[in-house]
Amino acid sequence: MWQRRAFLKSAGAGFVASLLPQQLLALEANDLVFASSIQTAAGGYGAVLMGERGDVISTIELPDRGHDITISREAGRGVVFARQPGTFAVVFDPFGNDAPQTLTSVEGRHFFGHGVFSPDGRLLYATESDFEAAQGVIGIYDATDGYRRIGEFPTHGTGPHEMLLMPDGLTFVVANGGIETHPDFGRAELNLDTMDPSVAFIDRRDGRLIGQLRLDAGLHQLSIRHMAVDARNRVWFGCQYKGAPSDTPQLVGYATMDGEIRLIELPPGTLSDLRNYVGSVAASIDGGCIAVSSPEGDLLVAIDTDGKRPVLVETLRNGCGLAADQAGFVATSGKGEMIGMAGAERPAQKFEFLFDNHMLRLT
């Protein structure tokens, strides 16, 4: 974990000196640091670094709504990706020493809200759409050369959303949501009858497709969106159903590089309360628990990865952001609330800003 001492050591004296007294006190009072996109009280957009106790350490402004954030200690930078179908990503110095840099998607592409750094911090990868061909790509950016775009790999599907780097440091896993969009039509979903969601494992070095997994054909409207990796290197995923509202398919499952993909059986009441929508997925520090959220159903669910069953169900109005802390999870909401769950004992807090869909624990 990027704990306080490691954060201060990486940041250096310049960052510490740049903090206001209350910001420095906030950093000193917290062991963990989290990041999230936000909407400000004035209606603008930004991103925030905050301690586990909810103390705000620093903020940056964004030109529009942000989605997920990735941060690399090796690169000394973080990146906030625009909510899809956005055309910007903001590279920022989490230590506050350098001004943010805005990247604009190249012609014919838009961002899908997620990305990762290479283990050495030299490359940034982002899920993007080749929207004229209705195909997903992974855009590749050189972090050592001003984040110049140097190429792309196919994701072997349409509408890629979250991507993760597997623990081996060599394999991407990409959630191809299967939904076609186009900037001319905003967030309109253009192919609901022919959706083809999948989980793709891709070699980071050359873009080679290692394996691709799909659910049963009858579940082709179950868009695979967000993921987390457990202690056994299983990729847990959450889905958003685009079929009839009266249908209640299972929404949470896992995939493996050995070729297994399956949905787990959530109890009918819990499944119904998710309202066919999982917004975020996170793994506990030890990988033994997975948390999922539904802002549509105001629900948080913690799942034991061995037993494949819920061990906690909790309500949080418009709750979506999830990140592991030392004891359980921190959850945030679009109403500006932060709570602890599944072992994290912390009082609920209310902020002047509103949290977006995802929360990142800096690692």
Protein backbone atom coordinates (compact mmCIF):
# COMPACT_ATOMS: atom_id res chain seq x y z
CA MET A 1 0.00 0.00 0.00
CA TRP A 2 1.01 3.57 -0.60
CA GLN A 3 1.04 4.45 3.05
CA ARG A 4 1.78 7.86 4.51
CA ARG A 5 5.55 7.46 4.86
CA ALA A 6 5.92 6.07 1.34
CA PHE A 7 3.76 8.87 -0.03
CA LEU A 8 5.84 11.54 1.69
CA LYS A 9 9.10 9.92 0.62
CA SER A 10 7.97 9.76 -3.01
CA ALA A 11 6.53 13.27 -2.96
CA GLY A 12 9.63 14.95 -1.59
CA ALA A 13 10.09 18.23 0.21
CA GLY A 14 8.60 20.29 -2.64
CA PHE A 15 5.19 18.71 -2.32
CA VAL A 16 5.16 18.96 1.46
CA ALA A 17 6.17 22.61 1.30
CA SER A 18 3.39 23.34 -1.21
CA LEU A 19 0.63 22.10 1.10
CA LEU A 20 -1.48 24.45 3.14
CA PRO A 21 -1.32 23.81 6.90
CA GLN A 22 -4.68 22.02 6.96
CA GLN A 23 -3.64 19.85 3.99
CA LEU A 24 -0.40 18.86 5.70
CA LEU A 25 -2.32 17.96 8.86
CA ALA A 26 -4.69 15.86 6.73
CA LEU A 27 -1.82 13.93 5.18
CA GLU A 28 -0.12 13.35 8.52
CA ALA A 29 -3.35 12.09 10.10
CA ASN A 30 -4.02 9.33 7.53
CA ASP A 31 -2.24 6.09 6.71
CA LEU A 32 -3.86 5.47 3.29
CA VAL A 33 -4.41 7.80 0.36
CA PHE A 34 -7.37 7.50 -2.04
CA ALA A 35 -8.30 9.23 -5.29
CA SER A 36 -11.65 9.86 -6.98
CA SER A 37 -13.24 11.97 -9.66
CA ILE A 38 -15.79 14.42 -8.26
CA GLN A 39 -18.39 17.01 -9.14
CA THR A 40 -17.93 20.24 -7.22
CA ALA A 41 -20.61 22.12 -5.31
CA ALA A 42 -20.55 24.77 -8.06
CA GLY A 43 -21.28 22.15 -10.73
CA GLY A 44 -17.74 21.85 -12.11
CA TYR A 45 -15.64 18.71 -12.27
CA GLY A 46 -12.38 17.64 -10.70
CA ALA A 47 -10.43 14.91 -8.94
CA VAL A 48 -9.46 14.68 -5.30
CA LEU A 49 -6.74 13.02 -3.23
CA MET A 50 -7.94 12.23 0.27
CA GLY A 51 -6.93 10.29 3.34
CA GLU A 52 -8.73 7.25 4.68
CA ARG A 53 -10.38 9.44 7.32
CA GLY A 54 -11.88 11.63 4.64
CA ASP A 55 -9.40 14.51 4.93
CA VAL A 56 -8.88 16.28 1.59
CA ILE A 57 -5.18 16.48 0.69
CA SER A 58 -5.31 18.06 -2.77
CA THR A 59 -7.59 18.59 -5.78
CA ILE A 60 -7.30 19.25 -9.51
CA GLU A 61 -9.81 20.69 -11.97
CA LEU A 62 -11.13 18.75 -14.98
CA PRO A 63 -12.67 20.14 -18.19
CA ASP A 64 -15.67 17.81 -17.88
CA ARG A 65 -16.83 14.75 -15.98
CA GLY A 66 -14.09 12.29 -15.08
CA HIS A 67 -14.46 8.57 -14.53
CA ASP A 68 -11.65 6.32 -13.32
CA ILE A 69 -8.12 7.19 -12.22
CA THR A 70 -4.85 5.30 -12.52
CA ILE A 71 -1.63 6.27 -10.72
CA SER A 72 1.94 5.00 -11.13
CA ARG A 73 4.59 5.58 -8.48
CA GLU A 74 7.24 4.69 -11.07
CA ALA A 75 5.96 7.34 -13.48
CA GLY A 76 5.24 9.78 -10.66
CA ARG A 77 1.95 10.60 -12.38
CA GLY A 78 -1.74 9.90 -12.25
CA VAL A 79 -4.28 10.02 -15.07
CA VAL A 80 -7.98 10.83 -14.88
CA PHE A 81 -9.95 9.49 -17.84
CA ALA A 82 -13.06 11.18 -19.17
CA ARG A 83 -16.35 9.40 -18.80
CA GLN A 84 -17.13 7.57 -22.04
CA PRO A 85 -17.51 8.66 -24.76
CA GLY A 86 -15.07 11.36 -23.63
CA THR A 87 -12.21 12.83 -25.62
CA PHE A 88 -9.83 13.93 -22.84
CA ALA A 89 -7.56 12.46 -20.19
CA VAL A 90 -5.73 14.61 -17.65
CA VAL A 91 -2.22 13.63 -16.54
CA PHE A 92 -1.44 15.07 -13.12
CA ASP A 93 1.36 15.09 -10.60
CA PRO A 94 -0.10 13.60 -7.39
CA PHE A 95 2.63 15.44 -5.48
CA GLY A 96 1.58 18.85 -6.79
CA ASN A 97 4.93 19.87 -8.25
CA ASP A 98 3.93 20.13 -11.93
CA ALA A 99 0.88 21.50 -13.70
CA PRO A 100 -1.64 18.99 -15.14
CA GLN A 101 -1.40 18.02 -18.81
CA THR A 102 -4.53 17.40 -20.88
CA LEU A 103 -4.47 14.69 -23.53
CA THR A 104 -6.97 14.72 -26.39
CA SER A 105 -8.04 11.51 -28.07
CA VAL A 106 -6.80 11.14 -31.64
CA GLU A 107 -9.15 11.49 -34.60
CA GLY A 108 -11.52 8.54 -34.87
CA ARG A 109 -11.12 7.46 -31.24
CA HIS A 110 -12.65 8.27 -27.88
CA PHE A 111 -11.81 7.18 -24.36
CA PHE A 112 -13.84 4.66 -22.38
CA GLY A 113 -12.97 5.89 -18.90
CA HIS A 114 -10.26 3.42 -17.83
CA GLY A 115 -6.58 2.67 -18.26
CA VAL A 116 -3.40 1.38 -16.61
CA PHE A 117 0.34 2.03 -16.56
CA SER A 118 3.01 -0.53 -17.41
CA PRO A 119 4.84 -1.86 -14.33
CA ASP A 120 7.84 0.39 -15.01
CA GLY A 121 5.65 3.46 -15.56
CA ARG A 122 7.03 4.09 -19.04
CA LEU A 123 3.80 3.37 -20.95
CA LEU A 124 0.17 4.31 -20.38
CA TYR A 125 -2.61 2.17 -21.85
CA ALA A 126 -6.23 3.30 -22.27
CA THR A 127 -9.43 1.62 -23.41
CA GLU A 128 -10.70 3.44 -26.48
CA SER A 129 -13.17 3.03 -29.31
CA ASP A 130 -12.55 3.00 -33.04
CA PHE A 131 -16.10 4.25 -33.35
CA GLU A 132 -16.43 4.13 -37.14
CA ALA A 133 -15.50 0.44 -37.13
CA ALA A 134 -17.37 -0.17 -33.83
CA GLN A 135 -14.30 -1.93 -32.44
CA GLY A 136 -12.41 -1.48 -29.20
CA VAL A 137 -8.71 -0.67 -29.00
CA ILE A 138 -6.09 -0.18 -26.33
CA GLY A 139 -4.33 3.12 -26.99
CA ILE A 140 -0.62 3.15 -26.10
CA TYR A 141 1.06 6.33 -24.83
CA ASP A 142 4.75 6.99 -24.15
CA ALA A 143 4.95 8.44 -20.63
CA THR A 144 8.61 9.33 -21.22
CA ASP A 145 7.79 11.50 -24.24
CA GLY A 146 4.96 13.78 -23.17
CA TYR A 147 2.39 10.98 -23.40
CA ARG A 148 2.67 10.82 -27.16
CA ARG A 149 0.35 8.16 -28.62
CA ILE A 150 2.58 5.55 -30.23
CA GLY A 151 0.14 2.81 -31.25
CA GLU A 152 -2.79 0.61 -30.35
CA PHE A 153 -3.87 -3.00 -29.89
CA PRO A 154 -7.34 -4.41 -30.63
CA THR A 155 -9.44 -5.49 -27.67
CA HIS A 156 -11.19 -8.06 -29.89
CA GLY A 157 -14.59 -6.70 -29.05
CA THR A 158 -16.90 -3.71 -29.01
CA GLY A 159 -17.29 -1.18 -26.21
CA PRO A 160 -14.29 -2.02 -24.01
CA HIS A 161 -14.65 -0.59 -20.55
CA GLU A 162 -12.37 -1.45 -17.63
CA MET A 163 -8.96 -2.99 -18.23
CA LEU A 164 -6.61 -4.42 -15.60
CA LEU A 165 -3.03 -5.61 -15.63
CA MET A 166 -2.85 -9.12 -14.22
CA PRO A 167 -0.38 -9.85 -11.37
CA ASP A 168 2.08 -11.35 -13.87
CA GLY A 169 2.65 -7.82 -15.22
CA LEU A 170 2.39 -9.16 -18.78
CA THR A 171 -1.31 -9.78 -19.38
CA PHE A 172 -4.15 -7.34 -19.80
CA VAL A 173 -7.68 -8.39 -19.04
CA VAL A 174 -10.29 -6.28 -20.80
CA ALA A 175 -14.04 -6.16 -20.21
CA ASN A 176 -15.57 -5.79 -23.67
CA GLY A 177 -19.02 -4.50 -22.81
CA GLY A 178 -20.33 -5.37 -26.25
CA ILE A 179 -22.19 -2.07 -26.72
CA GLU A 180 -21.64 0.13 -29.76
CA THR A 181 -21.59 3.90 -29.24
CA HIS A 182 -20.68 6.84 -31.45
CA PRO A 183 -19.86 10.44 -30.46
CA ASP A 184 -22.49 11.72 -32.90
CA PHE A 185 -25.12 10.02 -30.72
CA GLY A 186 -23.73 10.80 -27.26
CA ARG A 187 -24.22 7.88 -24.88
CA ALA A 188 -26.91 6.21 -27.02
CA GLU A 189 -26.49 2.41 -27.24
CA LEU A 190 -26.73 1.47 -30.89
CA ASN A 191 -26.67 -2.34 -31.04
CA LEU A 192 -28.63 -3.79 -28.12
CA ASP A 193 -30.05 -6.60 -30.26
CA THR A 194 -26.60 -7.76 -31.42
CA MET A 195 -24.44 -7.15 -28.34
CA ASP A 196 -21.41 -9.42 -27.91
CA PRO A 197 -19.78 -8.93 -24.49
CA SER A 198 -16.59 -10.80 -23.58
CA VAL A 199 -13.59 -10.99 -21.29
CA ALA A 200 -10.35 -10.83 -23.29
CA PHE A 201 -6.83 -11.70 -22.07
CA ILE A 202 -4.23 -9.85 -24.15
CA ASP A 203 -0.43 -9.95 -24.11
CA ARG A 204 0.83 -6.51 -23.07
CA ARG A 205 4.00 -6.84 -25.12
CA ASP A 206 2.57 -7.40 -28.60
CA GLY A 207 -1.24 -7.28 -28.36
CA ARG A 208 -1.61 -10.99 -29.00
CA LEU A 209 -4.98 -12.42 -27.95
CA ILE A 210 -4.28 -15.06 -25.32
CA GLY A 211 -7.88 -16.05 -24.74
CA GLN A 212 -11.41 -14.74 -24.94
CA LEU A 213 -14.39 -15.87 -22.86
CA ARG A 214 -18.11 -15.31 -23.36
CA LEU A 215 -21.19 -16.13 -21.34
CA ASP A 216 -24.01 -18.21 -22.82
CA ALA A 217 -25.49 -16.83 -26.03
CA GLY A 218 -28.78 -16.19 -24.25
CA LEU A 219 -26.98 -13.64 -22.07
CA HIS A 220 -25.64 -11.53 -24.94
CA GLN A 221 -27.32 -8.42 -23.48
CA LEU A 222 -25.39 -8.78 -20.22
CA SER A 223 -22.71 -6.12 -20.63
CA ILE A 224 -19.48 -6.97 -18.76
CA ARG A 225 -18.15 -3.70 -17.39
CA HIS A 226 -15.95 -3.68 -14.25
CA MET A 227 -13.48 -6.12 -12.73
CA ALA A 228 -11.17 -6.97 -9.83
CA VAL A 229 -8.65 -9.79 -9.29
CA ASP A 230 -8.88 -12.06 -6.23
CA ALA A 231 -6.21 -14.01 -4.34
CA ARG A 232 -6.41 -16.90 -6.83
CA ASN A 233 -5.97 -14.63 -9.86
CA ARG A 234 -9.60 -15.07 -10.80
CA VAL A 235 -11.04 -12.01 -12.52
CA TRP A 236 -14.33 -11.07 -10.88
CA PHE A 237 -16.67 -9.00 -13.03
CA GLY A 238 -19.90 -7.08 -12.64
CA CYS A 239 -22.49 -6.65 -15.38
CA GLN A 240 -25.18 -4.24 -16.53
CA TYR A 241 -28.18 -5.86 -18.19
CA LYS A 242 -29.59 -4.19 -21.31
CA GLY A 243 -32.55 -6.51 -21.91
CA ALA A 244 -36.13 -6.33 -20.64
CA PRO A 245 -36.39 -4.70 -17.19
CA SER A 246 -38.53 -7.62 -16.03
CA ASP A 247 -35.61 -10.05 -16.58
CA THR A 248 -33.35 -10.78 -13.61
CA PRO A 249 -30.14 -12.44 -14.84
CA GLN A 250 -27.27 -12.99 -12.44
CA LEU A 251 -24.90 -10.01 -12.54
CA VAL A 252 -21.63 -11.09 -10.86
CA GLY A 253 -19.19 -13.75 -11.95
CA TYR A 254 -15.56 -14.60 -12.52
CA ALA A 255 -13.25 -15.64 -15.35
CA THR A 256 -9.86 -17.35 -15.37
CA MET A 257 -6.95 -17.50 -17.76
CA ASP A 258 -7.52 -21.27 -17.83
CA GLY A 259 -10.74 -20.70 -19.74
CA GLU A 260 -13.44 -20.82 -17.08
CA ILE A 261 -16.20 -18.21 -16.95
CA ARG A 262 -19.29 -18.43 -14.78
CA LEU A 263 -21.87 -16.37 -12.97
CA ILE A 264 -22.41 -16.94 -9.27
CA GLU A 265 -25.87 -17.32 -7.73
CA LEU A 266 -26.88 -14.29 -5.70
CA PRO A 267 -30.02 -14.65 -3.53
CA PRO A 268 -33.19 -13.46 -5.31
CA GLY A 269 -33.72 -10.49 -2.99
CA THR A 270 -30.16 -9.23 -3.36
CA LEU A 271 -30.24 -9.77 -7.12
CA SER A 272 -33.50 -7.88 -7.45
CA ASP A 273 -32.19 -4.97 -5.36
CA LEU A 274 -29.17 -4.56 -7.66
CA ARG A 275 -31.66 -3.55 -10.37
CA ASN A 276 -29.71 -5.13 -13.22
CA TYR A 277 -26.75 -2.79 -12.66
CA VAL A 278 -23.31 -3.25 -11.11
CA GLY A 279 -21.33 -0.01 -11.09
CA SER A 280 -17.99 -0.91 -9.46
CA VAL A 281 -16.05 -3.99 -8.37
CA ALA A 282 -13.17 -4.07 -5.86
CA ALA A 283 -11.08 -6.74 -4.13
CA SER A 284 -10.06 -6.71 -0.48
CA ILE A 285 -6.37 -6.38 0.35
CA ASP A 286 -6.01 -10.14 0.88
CA GLY A 287 -8.13 -10.93 -2.19
CA GLY A 288 -10.52 -13.04 -0.14
CA CYS A 289 -13.50 -10.74 -0.57
CA ILE A 290 -15.05 -8.94 -3.52
CA ALA A 291 -17.31 -5.91 -3.15
CA VAL A 292 -19.79 -4.77 -5.80
CA SER A 293 -22.01 -1.71 -5.88
CA SER A 294 -25.21 -0.61 -7.56
CA PRO A 295 -25.99 3.10 -7.67
CA GLU A 296 -29.27 2.18 -9.36
CA GLY A 297 -30.27 -0.04 -6.44
CA ASP A 298 -28.52 1.94 -3.67
CA LEU A 299 -26.82 -1.33 -2.71
CA LEU A 300 -23.38 -2.56 -1.64
CA VAL A 301 -22.62 -6.30 -1.54
CA ALA A 302 -19.52 -8.06 -0.15
CA ILE A 303 -18.90 -11.56 -1.52
CA ASP A 304 -16.68 -14.29 -0.07
CA THR A 305 -14.54 -15.48 -2.99
CA ASP A 306 -14.14 -19.03 -1.67
CA GLY A 307 -17.79 -19.59 -0.81
CA LYS A 308 -18.98 -17.48 -3.76
CA ARG A 309 -21.77 -16.05 -1.63
CA PRO A 310 -22.65 -12.66 -0.10
CA VAL A 311 -21.44 -12.08 3.43
CA LEU A 312 -22.78 -8.54 3.76
CA VAL A 313 -25.46 -6.44 2.08
CA GLU A 314 -25.64 -2.74 2.91
CA THR A 315 -27.57 0.27 1.65
CA LEU A 316 -25.88 3.44 0.38
CA ARG A 317 -27.95 5.91 -1.61
CA ASN A 318 -26.41 6.25 -5.10
CA GLY A 319 -23.36 4.34 -3.83
CA CYS A 320 -20.82 3.30 -6.44
CA GLY A 321 -17.14 3.98 -5.63
CA LEU A 322 -15.31 1.14 -3.87
CA ALA A 323 -11.73 0.65 -2.66
CA ALA A 324 -10.11 -1.64 -0.12
CA ASP A 325 -8.75 -0.26 3.11
CA GLN A 326 -6.80 -2.09 5.80
CA ALA A 327 -9.86 -3.79 7.30
CA GLY A 328 -12.54 -3.87 4.62
CA PHE A 329 -13.75 -1.38 2.03
CA VAL A 330 -14.42 2.31 1.66
CA ALA A 331 -17.56 3.14 -0.34
CA THR A 332 -18.51 6.52 -1.81
CA SER A 333 -21.67 7.89 -3.35
CA GLY A 334 -22.99 10.32 -5.91
CA LYS A 335 -24.61 12.10 -2.97
CA GLY A 336 -21.23 13.01 -1.49
CA GLU A 337 -21.13 10.34 1.22
CA MET A 338 -18.28 8.05 2.31
CA ILE A 339 -18.76 5.01 4.57
CA GLY A 340 -16.85 1.93 5.67
CA MET A 341 -18.16 -1.58 4.99
CA ALA A 342 -17.28 -5.24 5.43
CA GLY A 343 -15.01 -4.74 8.43
CA ALA A 344 -13.98 -1.13 7.93
CA GLU A 345 -15.18 0.65 11.03
CA ARG A 346 -15.39 4.32 10.25
CA PRO A 347 -18.16 6.90 10.75
CA ALA A 348 -20.14 8.01 7.72
CA GLN A 349 -19.06 11.38 6.31
CA LYS A 350 -20.76 13.90 4.03
CA PHE A 351 -18.79 16.18 1.71
CA GLU A 352 -19.58 19.34 -0.21
CA PHE A 353 -18.63 17.63 -3.48
CA LEU A 354 -20.20 14.54 -5.10
CA PHE A 355 -18.17 11.41 -5.82
CA ASP A 356 -18.11 9.86 -9.27
CA ASN A 357 -18.30 6.12 -9.94
CA HIS A 358 -14.87 4.93 -8.80
CA MET A 359 -12.47 5.18 -5.88
CA LEU A 360 -8.79 4.24 -6.16
CA ARG A 361 -6.49 3.23 -3.31
CA LEU A 362 -3.04 4.39 -4.31
CA THR A 363 -0.72 1.39 -4.67
